Amino acid sequence: MSSQVSLYSINSTLILDNEGKRIYAKYFKPPHGVLEDNSKLYNNDKNQKTFEKNLFAKTYKVGGDIILFENQVVVYKQYSDIIIYMIGGLEENESLLSTTLSGLTAALEIVLQNNIDQKSVQENYDLVALAIDETVDDGIILEYDPAVIASRVTNAPSQDIPSLKTIDLSEKGLLNAFQFARSKINEKLQQGL
């Protein structure tokens, strides 16, 4: 293990169908990770598809959920006609990778209403991509709680910025804002003395 401080990260997230074809793939080149051994994955689409084909051949219809493949830790979960993979480097914690994958798949079960299959993933591709983005950002694991991931995907962002229609830009409105600011400054000054 290197002496550098590292964030928990992954190298890629994949969803393949039951024939090994790509449904979703996102490869990361994080500046924080060590990629010398696996740099061929990031060269081009052909290398990525070859990697996916070999990975599928190794994992399809195998009862496991974690393997070491081409100097990478691979955690995966099989469903009826898709397999979801999270791939990390050798230095990564396989328990955290497994927990992150479990959180993502549980969030997908919530978002897709317990229908994780190829058809529902393709029909709700935007929600699946959002769930993955809420779980992992640029290779860094952000969240693994399924309820949090699902709520971020299904709920619209809150509007903290008031609408321009509600702001009073008249002379009276600006004077009120100035007086409010002055009273708050006076309160803070009095508390400090």
Protein backbone atom coordinates (compact mmCIF):
# COMPACT_ATOMS: atom_id res chain seq x y z
CA MET A 1 0.00 0.00 0.00
CA SER A 2 1.34 3.42 -0.87
CA SER A 3 2.14 6.02 1.75
CA GLN A 4 -0.01 8.61 -0.01
CA VAL A 5 -3.33 9.57 1.49
CA SER A 6 -6.08 8.32 -0.79
CA LEU A 7 -9.81 8.62 -1.07
CA TYR A 8 -11.77 5.45 -1.61
CA SER A 9 -12.24 5.24 -5.33
CA ILE A 10 -13.25 2.99 -8.18
CA ASN A 11 -11.92 2.64 -11.70
CA SER A 12 -15.19 1.89 -13.46
CA THR A 13 -18.87 1.07 -13.16
CA LEU A 14 -20.43 -1.29 -15.69
CA ILE A 15 -23.82 -2.74 -16.48
CA LEU A 16 -23.76 -5.60 -19.00
CA ASP A 17 -26.64 -7.63 -20.37
CA ASN A 18 -26.82 -11.44 -20.33
CA GLU A 19 -24.82 -11.63 -23.56
CA GLY A 20 -21.99 -9.43 -22.30
CA LYS A 21 -23.04 -6.33 -24.26
CA ARG A 22 -22.66 -2.92 -22.71
CA ILE A 23 -25.75 -1.22 -21.33
CA TYR A 24 -23.88 1.32 -19.23
CA ALA A 25 -20.18 1.90 -18.79
CA LYS A 26 -18.27 4.66 -17.10
CA TYR A 27 -14.49 4.51 -16.78
CA PHE A 28 -12.66 6.95 -14.56
CA LYS A 29 -9.14 8.30 -14.76
CA PRO A 30 -8.96 9.76 -11.29
CA PRO A 31 -5.90 11.85 -10.49
CA HIS A 32 -5.86 10.27 -7.04
CA GLY A 33 -5.58 6.63 -8.10
CA VAL A 34 -2.72 4.48 -9.29
CA LEU A 35 -3.42 3.52 -12.89
CA GLU A 36 -0.11 2.21 -14.24
CA ASP A 37 -1.23 -1.43 -14.27
CA ASN A 38 -4.63 -0.68 -15.79
CA SER A 39 -3.89 2.22 -18.13
CA LYS A 40 -4.75 0.08 -21.18
CA LEU A 41 -8.41 0.17 -20.08
CA TYR A 42 -8.59 3.88 -20.70
CA ASN A 43 -6.90 4.05 -24.08
CA ASN A 44 -9.89 3.45 -26.31
CA ASP A 45 -13.30 1.89 -26.70
CA LYS A 46 -11.88 -1.29 -28.24
CA ASN A 47 -9.78 -2.05 -25.15
CA GLN A 48 -12.73 -1.32 -22.90
CA LYS A 49 -15.00 -3.68 -24.83
CA THR A 50 -12.35 -6.41 -24.80
CA PHE A 51 -12.04 -6.00 -21.03
CA GLU A 52 -15.83 -6.15 -20.66
CA LYS A 53 -16.07 -9.28 -22.82
CA ASN A 54 -13.36 -11.07 -20.81
CA LEU A 55 -14.87 -9.94 -17.51
CA PHE A 56 -18.30 -11.18 -18.56
CA ALA A 57 -16.87 -14.55 -19.60
CA LYS A 58 -15.22 -14.86 -16.18
CA THR A 59 -18.26 -13.87 -14.11
CA TYR A 60 -21.38 -14.97 -16.02
CA LYS A 61 -23.29 -17.77 -14.24
CA VAL A 62 -20.69 -17.91 -11.48
CA GLY A 63 -22.10 -17.79 -7.97
CA GLY A 64 -19.54 -15.34 -6.59
CA ASP A 65 -19.79 -11.66 -5.91
CA ILE A 66 -16.13 -10.60 -5.78
CA ILE A 67 -13.13 -11.59 -7.88
CA LEU A 68 -9.62 -10.46 -8.69
CA PHE A 69 -9.47 -9.83 -12.44
CA GLU A 70 -6.57 -8.30 -14.40
CA ASN A 71 -5.05 -6.81 -11.23
CA GLN A 72 -8.33 -5.20 -10.19
CA VAL A 73 -10.87 -5.96 -7.51
CA VAL A 74 -14.26 -6.59 -9.12
CA VAL A 75 -17.48 -6.73 -7.14
CA TYR A 76 -20.65 -7.58 -9.01
CA LYS A 77 -24.27 -8.52 -8.63
CA GLN A 78 -26.28 -10.57 -11.09
CA TYR A 79 -29.94 -10.09 -11.85
CA SER A 80 -32.19 -11.94 -14.28
CA ASP A 81 -30.64 -10.52 -17.44
CA ILE A 82 -28.05 -7.93 -16.33
CA ILE A 83 -24.89 -7.79 -14.24
CA ILE A 84 -23.81 -4.65 -12.38
CA TYR A 85 -20.06 -4.29 -11.73
CA MET A 86 -17.89 -1.96 -9.66
CA ILE A 87 -14.20 -2.22 -10.35
CA GLY A 88 -11.46 -0.84 -8.14
CA GLY A 89 -7.70 -1.04 -7.92
CA LEU A 90 -5.79 -3.59 -5.86
CA GLU A 91 -5.22 -1.03 -3.12
CA GLU A 92 -8.94 -0.44 -2.59
CA ASN A 93 -10.99 -1.89 0.24
CA GLU A 94 -13.15 -4.67 -1.20
CA SER A 95 -15.61 -4.41 1.69
CA LEU A 96 -16.26 -0.77 0.89
CA LEU A 97 -16.60 -1.58 -2.83
CA SER A 98 -19.11 -4.29 -1.96
CA THR A 99 -21.03 -1.97 0.38
CA THR A 100 -21.10 0.72 -2.31
CA LEU A 101 -22.41 -1.75 -4.89
CA SER A 102 -25.05 -2.99 -2.44
CA GLY A 103 -26.13 0.60 -1.75
CA LEU A 104 -26.34 1.36 -5.47
CA THR A 105 -28.35 -1.77 -6.27
CA ALA A 106 -30.71 -1.16 -3.33
CA ALA A 107 -31.21 2.43 -4.53
CA LEU A 108 -31.93 1.12 -8.04
CA GLU A 109 -34.50 -1.27 -6.56
CA ILE A 110 -36.21 1.73 -4.93
CA VAL A 111 -36.04 3.91 -8.04
CA LEU A 112 -37.03 1.12 -10.46
CA GLN A 113 -39.68 -0.26 -8.09
CA ASN A 114 -37.97 -3.66 -7.60
CA ASN A 115 -37.73 -4.25 -11.36
CA ILE A 116 -34.01 -4.44 -12.03
CA ASP A 117 -33.81 -5.96 -15.46
CA GLN A 118 -32.57 -4.91 -18.88
CA LYS A 119 -35.86 -3.43 -20.03
CA SER A 120 -36.44 -1.29 -16.94
CA VAL A 121 -32.80 -0.12 -16.93
CA GLN A 122 -33.06 0.95 -20.56
CA GLU A 123 -36.45 2.61 -20.10
CA ASN A 124 -35.23 4.51 -17.03
CA TYR A 125 -31.67 5.06 -18.18
CA ASP A 126 -31.66 8.66 -16.96
CA LEU A 127 -32.55 7.59 -13.41
CA VAL A 128 -29.97 4.79 -13.47
CA ALA A 129 -27.25 7.19 -14.66
CA LEU A 130 -28.25 9.72 -11.98
CA ALA A 131 -28.13 7.04 -9.27
CA ILE A 132 -24.65 6.01 -10.36
CA ASP A 133 -23.54 9.66 -10.47
CA GLU A 134 -24.91 10.22 -6.96
CA THR A 135 -22.99 7.16 -5.77
CA VAL A 136 -19.66 7.81 -7.51
CA ASP A 137 -18.29 11.11 -8.82
CA ASP A 138 -15.16 11.02 -10.97
CA GLY A 139 -14.19 7.73 -9.36
CA ILE A 140 -14.64 8.94 -5.77
CA ILE A 141 -17.25 7.08 -3.70
CA LEU A 142 -19.67 9.70 -2.43
CA GLU A 143 -22.56 7.77 -0.94
CA TYR A 144 -23.58 4.20 -0.22
CA ASP A 145 -26.84 4.70 1.68
CA PRO A 146 -29.62 3.55 -0.69
CA ALA A 147 -32.29 5.84 0.80
CA VAL A 148 -30.10 8.92 0.32
CA ILE A 149 -29.17 7.94 -3.24
CA ALA A 150 -32.79 7.22 -4.19
CA SER A 151 -34.03 10.48 -2.65
CA ARG A 152 -31.44 12.50 -4.54
CA VAL A 153 -32.49 10.84 -7.78
CA THR A 154 -36.26 11.07 -7.36
CA ASN A 155 -36.63 14.47 -5.67
CA ALA A 156 -36.24 17.68 -7.60
CA PRO A 157 -33.60 20.07 -6.25
CA SER A 158 -34.92 22.68 -3.86
CA GLN A 159 -35.00 26.27 -4.93
CA ASP A 160 -32.98 28.27 -2.42
CA ILE A 161 -32.73 31.28 -4.69
CA PRO A 162 -35.82 33.49 -4.63
CA SER A 163 -37.51 34.33 -7.87
CA LEU A 164 -36.90 37.79 -9.32
CA LYS A 165 -40.65 38.40 -9.15
CA THR A 166 -40.57 38.28 -5.34
CA ILE A 167 -37.69 40.75 -4.95
CA ASP A 168 -38.80 44.34 -4.42
CA LEU A 169 -36.39 46.48 -6.41
CA SER A 170 -38.17 49.77 -5.77
CA GLU A 171 -36.64 52.54 -3.68
CA LYS A 172 -38.73 51.46 -0.67
CA GLY A 173 -37.60 47.82 -1.02
CA LEU A 174 -33.93 48.80 -1.20
CA LEU A 175 -34.33 51.09 1.83
CA ASN A 176 -35.94 48.21 3.78
CA ALA A 177 -33.04 45.92 2.86
CA PHE A 178 -30.52 48.56 3.97
CA GLN A 179 -32.30 49.06 7.31
CA PHE A 180 -32.48 45.30 7.88
CA ALA A 181 -28.75 44.92 7.20
CA ARG A 182 -27.93 47.86 9.51
CA SER A 183 -29.99 46.38 12.37
CA LYS A 184 -28.25 42.99 12.00
CA ILE A 185 -24.81 44.65 12.03
CA ASN A 186 -25.74 46.62 15.14
CA GLU A 187 -26.90 43.44 16.88
CA LYS A 188 -23.63 41.66 16.09
CA LEU A 189 -21.56 44.64 17.26
CA GLN A 190 -23.48 44.85 20.54
CA GLN A 191 -23.04 41.13 21.15
CA GLY A 192 -19.30 41.42 20.56
CA LEU A 193 -18.87 44.26 23.09
